[in-house]
């Protein structure tokens, strides 16, 4: 079974800061569910765990796999 490549996401915060991350689909789904509850949420990213305070999150943008530029395999 081939592993699924992590998705690129951008998390925007009040004040204008943006955090770019690469996460699995499961981590992204968990983040979407946690946004409604607020509080702290931990994401497992390619670079290690990241804890987010969801009360300051303004948006989450997830790139589609098909939006990449370049040569396909």
PDB file of N, CA and C in Angstrom:
ATOM      1  N   UNK A   1       0.852  -1.178   0.000  1.00  0.00           N
ATOM      2  CA  UNK A   1       0.000   0.000   0.000  1.00  0.00           C
ATOM      3  C   UNK A   1       0.892   1.233   0.000  1.00  0.00           C
ATOM      4  N   UNK A   2       0.645   2.156  -0.908  1.00  0.00           N
ATOM      5  CA  UNK A   2       1.439   3.370  -1.003  1.00  0.00           C
ATOM      6  C   UNK A   2       1.005   4.366   0.068  1.00  0.00           C
ATOM      7  N   UNK A   3       1.968   5.073   0.619  1.00  0.00           N
ATOM      8  CA  UNK A   3       1.624   6.074   1.631  1.00  0.00           C
ATOM      9  C   UNK A   3       1.099   7.326   0.935  1.00  0.00           C
ATOM     10  N   UNK A   4       0.200   8.017   1.611  1.00  0.00           N
ATOM     11  CA  UNK A   4      -0.396   9.226   1.071  1.00  0.00           C
ATOM     12  C   UNK A   4       0.490  10.405   1.452  1.00  0.00           C
ATOM     13  N   UNK A   5       0.789  11.247   0.490  1.00  0.00           N
ATOM     14  CA  UNK A   5       1.641  12.411   0.742  1.00  0.00           C
ATOM     15  C   UNK A   5       0.907  13.403   1.648  1.00  0.00           C
ATOM     16  N   UNK A   6       1.633  14.051   2.542  1.00  0.00           N
ATOM     17  CA  UNK A   6       0.998  15.061   3.402  1.00  0.00           C
ATOM     18  C   UNK A   6       0.448  16.216   2.578  1.00  0.00           C
ATOM     19  N   UNK A   7      -0.597  16.840   3.093  1.00  0.00           N
ATOM     20  CA  UNK A   7      -1.205  17.991   2.418  1.00  0.00           C
ATOM     21  C   UNK A   7      -0.642  19.273   2.997  1.00  0.00           C
ATOM     22  N   UNK A   8      -0.474  20.249   2.142  1.00  0.00           N
ATOM     23  CA  UNK A   8      -0.032  21.565   2.577  1.00  0.00           C
ATOM     24  C   UNK A   8      -1.244  22.332   3.085  1.00  0.00           C
ATOM     25  N   UNK A   9      -1.121  22.893   4.276  1.00  0.00           N
ATOM     26  CA  UNK A   9      -2.181  23.740   4.804  1.00  0.00           C
ATOM     27  C   UNK A   9      -1.565  25.042   5.294  1.00  0.00           C
ATOM     28  N   UNK A  10      -2.396  26.066   5.354  1.00  0.00           N
ATOM     29  CA  UNK A  10      -2.023  27.343   5.943  1.00  0.00           C
ATOM     30  C   UNK A  10      -3.044  27.650   7.020  1.00  0.00           C
ATOM     31  N   UNK A  11      -2.557  27.987   8.212  1.00  0.00           N
ATOM     32  CA  UNK A  11      -3.424  28.341   9.323  1.00  0.00           C
ATOM     33  C   UNK A  11      -3.219  29.833   9.583  1.00  0.00           C
ATOM     34  N   UNK A  12      -4.293  30.606   9.424  1.00  0.00           N
ATOM     35  CA  UNK A  12      -4.225  32.050   9.630  1.00  0.00           C
ATOM     36  C   UNK A  12      -4.734  32.412  11.010  1.00  0.00           C
ATOM     37  N   UNK A  13      -4.039  33.345  11.666  1.00  0.00           N
ATOM     38  CA  UNK A  13      -4.371  33.755  13.023  1.00  0.00           C
ATOM     39  C   UNK A  13      -4.784  35.218  13.067  1.00  0.00           C
ATOM     40  N   UNK A  14      -5.517  35.594  14.116  1.00  0.00           N
ATOM     41  CA  UNK A  14      -5.832  36.995  14.349  1.00  0.00           C
ATOM     42  C   UNK A  14      -4.512  37.748  14.421  1.00  0.00           C
ATOM     43  N   UNK A  15      -4.452  38.895  13.821  1.00  0.00           N
ATOM     44  CA  UNK A  15      -3.221  39.668  13.793  1.00  0.00           C
ATOM     45  C   UNK A  15      -2.455  39.487  12.498  1.00  0.00           C
ATOM     46  N   UNK A  16      -2.858  38.507  11.666  1.00  0.00           N
ATOM     47  CA  UNK A  16      -2.275  38.357  10.349  1.00  0.00           C
ATOM     48  C   UNK A  16      -1.203  37.300  10.182  1.00  0.00           C
ATOM     49  N   UNK A  17      -0.754  36.659  11.259  1.00  0.00           N
ATOM     50  CA  UNK A  17       0.261  35.620  11.115  1.00  0.00           C
ATOM     51  C   UNK A  17      -0.328  34.405  10.408  1.00  0.00           C
ATOM     52  N   UNK A  18       0.516  33.748   9.612  1.00  0.00           N
ATOM     53  CA  UNK A  18       0.112  32.538   8.903  1.00  0.00           C
ATOM     54  C   UNK A  18       1.169  31.469   9.145  1.00  0.00           C
ATOM     55  N   UNK A  19       0.715  30.280   9.483  1.00  0.00           N
ATOM     56  CA  UNK A  19       1.605  29.149   9.729  1.00  0.00           C
ATOM     57  C   UNK A  19       1.387  28.126   8.621  1.00  0.00           C
ATOM     58  N   UNK A  20       2.441  27.816   7.867  1.00  0.00           N
ATOM     59  CA  UNK A  20       2.369  26.823   6.786  1.00  0.00           C
ATOM     60  C   UNK A  20       2.822  25.482   7.347  1.00  0.00           C
ATOM     61  N   UNK A  21       2.010  24.452   7.128  1.00  0.00           N
ATOM     62  CA  UNK A  21       2.291  23.113   7.656  1.00  0.00           C
ATOM     63  C   UNK A  21       2.003  22.060   6.601  1.00  0.00           C
ATOM     64  N   UNK A  22       2.549  20.863   6.808  1.00  0.00           N
ATOM     65  CA  UNK A  22       2.227  19.695   5.981  1.00  0.00           C
ATOM     66  C   UNK A  22       1.718  18.618   6.922  1.00  0.00           C
ATOM     67  N   UNK A  23       0.449  18.219   6.709  1.00  0.00           N
ATOM     68  CA  UNK A  23      -0.203  17.264   7.607  1.00  0.00           C
ATOM     69  C   UNK A  23      -0.916  16.183   6.807  1.00  0.00           C
ATOM     70  N   UNK A  24      -1.224  15.080   7.483  1.00  0.00           N
ATOM     71  CA  UNK A  24      -1.994  14.004   6.854  1.00  0.00           C
ATOM     72  C   UNK A  24      -3.464  14.416   6.769  1.00  0.00           C
ATOM     73  N   UNK A  25      -4.203  13.714   5.940  1.00  0.00           N
ATOM     74  CA  UNK A  25      -5.642  13.980   5.834  1.00  0.00           C
ATOM     75  C   UNK A  25      -6.341  13.767   7.171  1.00  0.00           C
ATOM     76  N   UNK A  26      -5.931  12.742   7.920  1.00  0.00           N
ATOM     77  CA  UNK A  26      -6.541  12.480   9.228  1.00  0.00           C
ATOM     78  C   UNK A  26      -6.296  13.633  10.194  1.00  0.00           C
ATOM     79  N   UNK A  27      -5.080  14.185  10.189  1.00  0.00           N
ATOM     80  CA  UNK A  27      -4.775  15.326  11.052  1.00  0.00           C
ATOM     81  C   UNK A  27      -5.603  16.544  10.657  1.00  0.00           C
ATOM     82  N   UNK A  28      -5.784  16.763   9.359  1.00  0.00           N
ATOM     83  CA  UNK A  28      -6.577  17.885   8.884  1.00  0.00           C
ATOM     84  C   UNK A  28      -8.039  17.729   9.298  1.00  0.00           C
ATOM     85  N   UNK A  29      -8.580  16.531   9.151  1.00  0.00           N
ATOM     86  CA  UNK A  29      -9.971  16.283   9.569  1.00  0.00           C
ATOM     87  C   UNK A  29     -10.128  16.513  11.068  1.00  0.00           C
ATOM     88  N   UNK A  30      -9.142  16.073  11.852  1.00  0.00           N
ATOM     89  CA  UNK A  30      -9.179  16.292  13.298  1.00  0.00           C
ATOM     90  C   UNK A  30      -9.149  17.769  13.650  1.00  0.00           C
ATOM     91  N   UNK A  31      -8.357  18.544  12.907  1.00  0.00           N
ATOM     92  CA  UNK A  31      -8.295  19.985  13.133  1.00  0.00           C
ATOM     93  C   UNK A  31      -9.643  20.630  12.834  1.00  0.00           C
ATOM     94  N   UNK A  32     -10.261  20.263  11.728  1.00  0.00           N
ATOM     95  CA  UNK A  32     -11.575  20.820  11.385  1.00  0.00           C
ATOM     96  C   UNK A  32     -12.595  20.541  12.487  1.00  0.00           C
ATOM     97  N   UNK A  33     -12.594  19.329  13.024  1.00  0.00           N
ATOM     98  CA  UNK A  33     -13.533  18.977  14.104  1.00  0.00           C
ATOM     99  C   UNK A  33     -13.230  19.768  15.369  1.00  0.00           C
ATOM    100  N   UNK A  34     -11.953  19.944  15.682  1.00  0.00           N
ATOM    101  CA  UNK A  34     -11.551  20.631  16.909  1.00  0.00           C
ATOM    102  C   UNK A  34     -11.846  22.126  16.863  1.00  0.00           C
ATOM    103  N   UNK A  35     -11.912  22.719  15.675  1.00  0.00           N
ATOM    104  CA  UNK A  35     -12.146  24.162  15.574  1.00  0.00           C
ATOM    105  C   UNK A  35     -13.440  24.594  16.251  1.00  0.00           C
ATOM    106  N   UNK A  36     -14.463  23.773  16.180  1.00  0.00           N
ATOM    107  CA  UNK A  36     -15.748  24.114  16.789  1.00  0.00           C
ATOM    108  C   UNK A  36     -15.660  24.183  18.310  1.00  0.00           C
ATOM    109  N   UNK A  37     -14.808  23.358  18.894  1.00  0.00           N
ATOM    110  CA  UNK A  37     -14.693  23.312  20.351  1.00  0.00           C
ATOM    111  C   UNK A  37     -13.755  24.389  20.889  1.00  0.00           C
ATOM    112  N   UNK A  38     -12.801  24.820  20.079  1.00  0.00           N
ATOM    113  CA  UNK A  38     -11.827  25.815  20.540  1.00  0.00           C
ATOM    114  C   UNK A  38     -10.795  25.189  21.463  1.00  0.00           C
ATOM    115  N   UNK A  39     -10.077  26.022  22.202  1.00  0.00           N
ATOM    116  CA  UNK A  39      -9.039  25.536  23.106  1.00  0.00           C
ATOM    117  C   UNK A  39      -7.771  25.178  22.350  1.00  0.00           C
ATOM    118  N   UNK A  40      -6.966  24.334  22.955  1.00  0.00           N
ATOM    119  CA  UNK A  40      -5.696  23.907  22.366  1.00  0.00           C
ATOM    120  C   UNK A  40      -5.876  22.630  21.578  1.00  0.00           C
ATOM    121  N   UNK A  41      -5.126  22.506  20.496  1.00  0.00           N
ATOM    122  CA  UNK A  41      -5.171  21.303  19.659  1.00  0.00           C
ATOM    123  C   UNK A  41      -3.754  21.008  19.174  1.00  0.00           C
ATOM    124  N   UNK A  42      -3.366  19.743  19.222  1.00  0.00           N
ATOM    125  CA  UNK A  42      -2.048  19.348  18.748  1.00  0.00           C
ATOM    126  C   UNK A  42      -2.158  18.645  17.410  1.00  0.00           C
ATOM    127  N   UNK A  43      -1.344  19.090  16.462  1.00  0.00           N
ATOM    128  CA  UNK A  43      -1.248  18.481  15.139  1.00  0.00           C
ATOM    129  C   UNK A  43       0.088  17.780  15.011  1.00  0.00           C
ATOM    130  N   UNK A  44       0.082  16.604  14.423  1.00  0.00           N
ATOM    131  CA  UNK A  44       1.326  15.931  14.058  1.00  0.00           C
ATOM    132  C   UNK A  44       1.640  16.350  12.631  1.00  0.00           C
ATOM    133  N   UNK A  45       2.752  17.049  12.462  1.00  0.00           N
ATOM    134  CA  UNK A  45       3.149  17.540  11.144  1.00  0.00           C
ATOM    135  C   UNK A  45       4.395  16.802  10.689  1.00  0.00           C
ATOM    136  N   UNK A  46       4.800  17.060   9.451  1.00  0.00           N
ATOM    137  CA  UNK A  46       6.030  16.478   8.917  1.00  0.00           C
ATOM    138  C   UNK A  46       7.242  16.865   9.759  1.00  0.00           C
ATOM    139  N   UNK A  47       7.206  18.053  10.337  1.00  0.00           N
ATOM    140  CA  UNK A  47       8.339  18.573  11.106  1.00  0.00           C
ATOM    141  C   UNK A  47       8.212  18.343  12.602  1.00  0.00           C
ATOM    142  N   UNK A  48       7.182  17.634  13.039  1.00  0.00           N
ATOM    143  CA  UNK A  48       6.988  17.381  14.459  1.00  0.00           C
ATOM    144  C   UNK A  48       5.669  17.963  14.936  1.00  0.00           C
ATOM    145  N   UNK A  49       5.364  17.758  16.216  1.00  0.00           N
ATOM    146  CA  UNK A  49       4.080  18.223  16.750  1.00  0.00           C
ATOM    147  C   UNK A  49       4.012  19.744  16.845  1.00  0.00           C
ATOM    148  N   UNK A  50       2.813  20.285  16.586  1.00  0.00           N
ATOM    149  CA  UNK A  50       2.542  21.712  16.697  1.00  0.00           C
ATOM    150  C   UNK A  50       1.260  21.869  17.500  1.00  0.00           C
ATOM    151  N   UNK A  51       1.317  22.702  18.551  1.00  0.00           N
ATOM    152  CA  UNK A  51       0.119  22.991  19.353  1.00  0.00           C
ATOM    153  C   UNK A  51      -0.427  24.349  18.948  1.00  0.00           C
ATOM    154  N   UNK A  52      -1.724  24.372  18.646  1.00  0.00           N
ATOM    155  CA  UNK A  52      -2.397  25.591  18.201  1.00  0.00           C
ATOM    156  C   UNK A  52      -3.463  25.997  19.203  1.00  0.00           C
ATOM    157  N   UNK A  53      -3.557  27.297  19.477  1.00  0.00           N
ATOM    158  CA  UNK A  53      -4.682  27.802  20.259  1.00  0.00           C
ATOM    159  C   UNK A  53      -5.771  28.189  19.275  1.00  0.00           C
ATOM    160  N   UNK A  54      -6.826  27.393  19.227  1.00  0.00           N
ATOM    161  CA  UNK A  54      -7.840  27.527  18.187  1.00  0.00           C
ATOM    162  C   UNK A  54      -8.697  28.778  18.328  1.00  0.00           C
ATOM    163  N   UNK A  55      -8.697  29.393  19.501  1.00  0.00           N
ATOM    164  CA  UNK A  55      -9.448  30.627  19.691  1.00  0.00           C
ATOM    165  C   UNK A  55      -8.885  31.786  18.885  1.00  0.00           C
ATOM    166  N   UNK A  56      -7.667  31.670  18.393  1.00  0.00           N
ATOM    167  CA  UNK A  56      -7.024  32.720  17.600  1.00  0.00           C
ATOM    168  C   UNK A  56      -6.990  32.404  16.106  1.00  0.00           C
ATOM    169  N   UNK A  57      -7.482  31.218  15.722  1.00  0.00           N
ATOM    170  CA  UNK A  57      -7.456  30.816  14.314  1.00  0.00           C
ATOM    171  C   UNK A  57      -8.586  31.521  13.560  1.00  0.00           C
ATOM    172  N   UNK A  58      -8.217  32.170  12.449  1.00  0.00           N
ATOM    173  CA  UNK A  58      -9.183  32.869  11.615  1.00  0.00           C
ATOM    174  C   UNK A  58      -9.585  32.007  10.418  1.00  0.00           C
ATOM    175  N   UNK A  59      -8.618  31.266   9.865  1.00  0.00           N
ATOM    176  CA  UNK A  59      -8.933  30.390   8.733  1.00  0.00           C
ATOM    177  C   UNK A  59      -7.932  29.244   8.648  1.00  0.00           C
ATOM    178  N   UNK A  60      -8.373  28.190   7.945  1.00  0.00           N
ATOM    179  CA  UNK A  60      -7.499  27.070   7.576  1.00  0.00           C
ATOM    180  C   UNK A  60      -7.680  26.871   6.085  1.00  0.00           C
ATOM    181  N   UNK A  61      -6.584  26.922   5.358  1.00  0.00           N
ATOM    182  CA  UNK A  61      -6.617  26.718   3.908  1.00  0.00           C
ATOM    183  C   UNK A  61      -5.850  25.441   3.596  1.00  0.00           C
ATOM    184  N   UNK A  62      -6.487  24.519   2.891  1.00  0.00           N
ATOM    185  CA  UNK A  62      -5.849  23.260   2.499  1.00  0.00           C
ATOM    186  C   UNK A  62      -5.746  23.213   0.986  1.00  0.00           C
ATOM    187  N   UNK A  63      -4.547  22.930   0.497  1.00  0.00           N
ATOM    188  CA  UNK A  63      -4.345  22.813  -0.947  1.00  0.00           C
ATOM    189  C   UNK A  63      -4.833  21.466  -1.440  1.00  0.00           C
ATOM    190  N   UNK A  64      -5.440  21.470  -2.613  1.00  0.00           N
ATOM    191  CA  UNK A  64      -5.807  20.223  -3.266  1.00  0.00           C
ATOM    192  C   UNK A  64      -4.571  19.586  -3.864  1.00  0.00           C
ATOM    193  N   UNK A  65      -4.564  18.285  -3.954  1.00  0.00           N
ATOM    194  CA  UNK A  65      -3.432  17.592  -4.548  1.00  0.00           C
ATOM    195  C   UNK A  65      -3.237  17.982  -6.010  1.00  0.00           C
ATOM    196  N   UNK A  66      -4.321  18.304  -6.698  1.00  0.00           N
ATOM    197  CA  UNK A  66      -4.256  18.615  -8.128  1.00  0.00           C
ATOM    198  C   UNK A  66      -3.768  20.031  -8.409  1.00  0.00           C
ATOM    199  N   UNK A  67      -3.560  20.836  -7.380  1.00  0.00           N
ATOM    200  CA  UNK A  67      -3.180  22.231  -7.624  1.00  0.00           C
ATOM    201  C   UNK A  67      -1.676  22.425  -7.738  1.00  0.00           C
ATOM    202  N   UNK A  68      -0.908  21.356  -7.789  1.00  0.00           N
ATOM    203  CA  UNK A  68       0.549  21.450  -7.872  1.00  0.00           C
ATOM    204  C   UNK A  68       0.993  21.785  -9.288  1.00  0.00           C
ATOM    205  N   UNK A  69       2.069  22.530  -9.386  1.00  0.00           N
ATOM    206  CA  UNK A  69       2.649  22.890 -10.673  1.00  0.00           C
ATOM    207  C   UNK A  69       3.898  22.044 -10.868  1.00  0.00           C
ATOM    208  N   UNK A  70       4.071  21.510 -12.054  1.00  0.00           N
ATOM    209  CA  UNK A  70       5.255  20.715 -12.335  1.00  0.00           C
ATOM    210  C   UNK A  70       4.918  19.516 -13.184  1.00  0.00           C
ATOM    211  N   UNK A  71       5.860  18.607 -13.217  1.00  0.00           N
ATOM    212  CA  UNK A  71       5.711  17.416 -14.040  1.00  0.00           C
ATOM    213  C   UNK A  71       5.121  16.276 -13.207  1.00  0.00           C
ATOM    214  N   UNK A  72       4.189  15.541 -13.762  1.00  0.00           N
ATOM    215  CA  UNK A  72       3.596  14.399 -13.089  1.00  0.00           C
ATOM    216  C   UNK A  72       4.435  13.160 -13.293  1.00  0.00           C
ATOM    217  N   UNK A  73       4.233  12.214 -12.444  1.00  0.00           N
ATOM    218  CA  UNK A  73       4.989  10.970 -12.552  1.00  0.00           C
ATOM    219  C   UNK A  73       4.210   9.944 -13.353  1.00  0.00           C
TER     220      UNK A  73
END
